[in-house]
């Protein structure tokens, strides 16, 4: 899929909007969340636009894997050796607010369940 002109995350990938990028490769971009829910809260997105995790999983081979690999690399760089949480919010009822698939990497404190 190509970029969507009114998509916030597509604009970050295109460097039209600034972000605190912590990692990037040919498939993904990882940047700090502007409203962090944990001491470390990084969003990992594919460079290509996919609406949600289900769309990404259905339309590409290895797209979800690439996000998780980047999240692992960021977690190691951030010193999250004691553990971290990876979350996909899919769809409005799932809590997704930006409709460009993104993986939340949360860490730096014990993660309670349920989250909150």
Protein backbone atom coordinates (compact mmCIF):
# COMPACT_ATOMS: atom_id res chain seq x y z
CA UNK A 1 0.00 0.00 0.00
CA UNK A 2 1.10 3.54 -0.58
CA UNK A 3 1.05 6.48 1.78
CA UNK A 4 -2.26 8.15 2.62
CA UNK A 5 -2.06 11.93 2.31
CA UNK A 6 -4.06 12.76 5.47
CA UNK A 7 -2.47 10.04 7.66
CA UNK A 8 -0.44 11.41 10.58
CA UNK A 9 1.89 8.41 10.66
CA UNK A 10 2.44 8.44 6.87
CA UNK A 11 3.54 12.07 7.31
CA UNK A 12 5.99 11.01 10.04
CA UNK A 13 7.41 8.33 7.73
CA UNK A 14 7.79 10.96 4.98
CA UNK A 15 9.45 13.31 7.51
CA UNK A 16 6.77 15.94 6.87
CA UNK A 17 5.97 15.99 10.61
CA UNK A 18 8.72 15.79 13.24
CA UNK A 19 8.90 12.88 15.65
CA UNK A 20 11.40 11.65 18.23
CA UNK A 21 12.59 8.72 16.11
CA UNK A 22 14.54 6.10 18.07
CA UNK A 23 14.97 3.48 15.32
CA UNK A 24 14.32 3.10 11.62
CA UNK A 25 15.07 0.59 8.90
CA UNK A 26 13.80 -0.16 5.41
CA UNK A 27 10.48 -1.54 6.73
CA UNK A 28 9.75 0.29 10.01
CA UNK A 29 10.02 3.54 11.95
CA UNK A 30 9.94 3.69 15.77
CA UNK A 31 9.29 6.92 17.65
CA UNK A 32 8.34 8.06 21.15
CA UNK A 33 4.64 8.43 21.90
CA UNK A 34 3.64 12.06 22.56
CA UNK A 35 1.33 10.92 25.38
CA UNK A 36 3.35 8.18 27.11
CA UNK A 37 1.60 5.62 29.30
CA UNK A 38 4.88 4.27 30.73
CA UNK A 39 8.45 5.57 31.21
CA UNK A 40 9.26 4.01 27.82
CA UNK A 41 6.43 4.26 25.30
CA UNK A 42 7.49 3.87 21.69
CA UNK A 43 5.28 3.36 18.64
CA UNK A 44 6.61 1.07 15.92
CA UNK A 45 4.98 1.50 12.51
CA UNK A 46 5.48 0.06 9.04
CA UNK A 47 6.64 2.49 6.38
CA UNK A 48 3.72 1.36 4.22
CA UNK A 49 0.20 2.37 5.20
CA UNK A 50 -2.00 -0.40 6.59
CA UNK A 51 -5.11 0.53 8.55
CA UNK A 52 -4.65 -1.95 11.41
CA UNK A 53 -2.85 -5.12 12.51
CA UNK A 54 -5.40 -7.37 10.81
CA UNK A 55 -4.89 -5.56 7.50
CA UNK A 56 -1.11 -5.77 7.82
CA UNK A 57 -1.22 -9.49 8.64
CA UNK A 58 -3.56 -10.19 5.71
CA UNK A 59 -1.72 -8.22 3.06
CA UNK A 60 1.97 -8.87 3.67
CA UNK A 61 4.31 -11.65 4.67
CA UNK A 62 6.54 -10.62 7.52
CA UNK A 63 5.01 -7.21 8.20
CA UNK A 64 4.06 -8.02 11.78
CA UNK A 65 7.41 -9.76 12.25
CA UNK A 66 9.24 -6.61 11.16
CA UNK A 67 7.38 -4.53 13.76
CA UNK A 68 8.19 -7.01 16.54
CA UNK A 69 11.86 -7.23 15.51
CA UNK A 70 12.17 -3.43 15.63
CA UNK A 71 10.39 -3.35 19.01
CA UNK A 72 12.86 -5.93 20.36
CA UNK A 73 15.80 -3.86 19.12
CA UNK A 74 14.37 -0.70 20.74
CA UNK A 75 13.63 -2.53 24.01
CA UNK A 76 17.24 -3.72 24.18
CA UNK A 77 18.54 -0.20 23.45
CA UNK A 78 16.22 1.24 26.13
CA UNK A 79 17.47 -1.25 28.75
CA UNK A 80 14.16 -3.09 29.17
CA UNK A 81 15.81 -6.41 30.02
CA UNK A 82 13.34 -7.09 32.85
CA UNK A 83 10.44 -7.12 30.41
CA UNK A 84 8.08 -4.97 28.41
CA UNK A 85 4.63 -5.04 26.86
CA UNK A 86 3.75 -5.03 23.16
CA UNK A 87 0.20 -3.95 22.25
CA UNK A 88 -1.78 -3.60 19.02
CA UNK A 89 -5.07 -1.71 19.31
CA UNK A 90 -7.20 -2.77 16.35
CA UNK A 91 -10.33 -0.86 15.38
CA UNK A 92 -12.26 1.84 17.17
CA UNK A 93 -13.70 -0.56 19.76
CA UNK A 94 -10.17 -1.87 20.37
CA UNK A 95 -8.95 1.60 21.29
CA UNK A 96 -7.21 2.45 18.02
CA UNK A 97 -7.15 6.22 17.46
CA UNK A 98 -4.74 6.56 14.51
CA UNK A 99 -5.68 4.28 11.65
CA UNK A 100 -2.18 3.39 10.50
CA UNK A 101 -1.17 0.15 12.22
CA UNK A 102 1.17 0.75 15.14
CA UNK A 103 2.70 -1.45 17.80
CA UNK A 104 3.01 0.07 21.27
CA UNK A 105 6.20 -0.81 23.16
CA UNK A 106 5.70 -0.06 26.86
CA UNK A 107 8.23 -0.58 29.62
CA UNK A 108 10.36 0.91 32.34
CA UNK A 109 7.98 -0.08 35.14
CA UNK A 110 6.07 -3.23 36.13
CA UNK A 111 3.06 -3.66 33.88
CA UNK A 112 -0.17 -4.31 35.79
CA UNK A 113 -3.02 -6.32 34.31
CA UNK A 114 -5.49 -5.11 33.42
CA UNK A 115 -3.62 -2.04 32.14
CA UNK A 116 -4.44 1.26 33.67
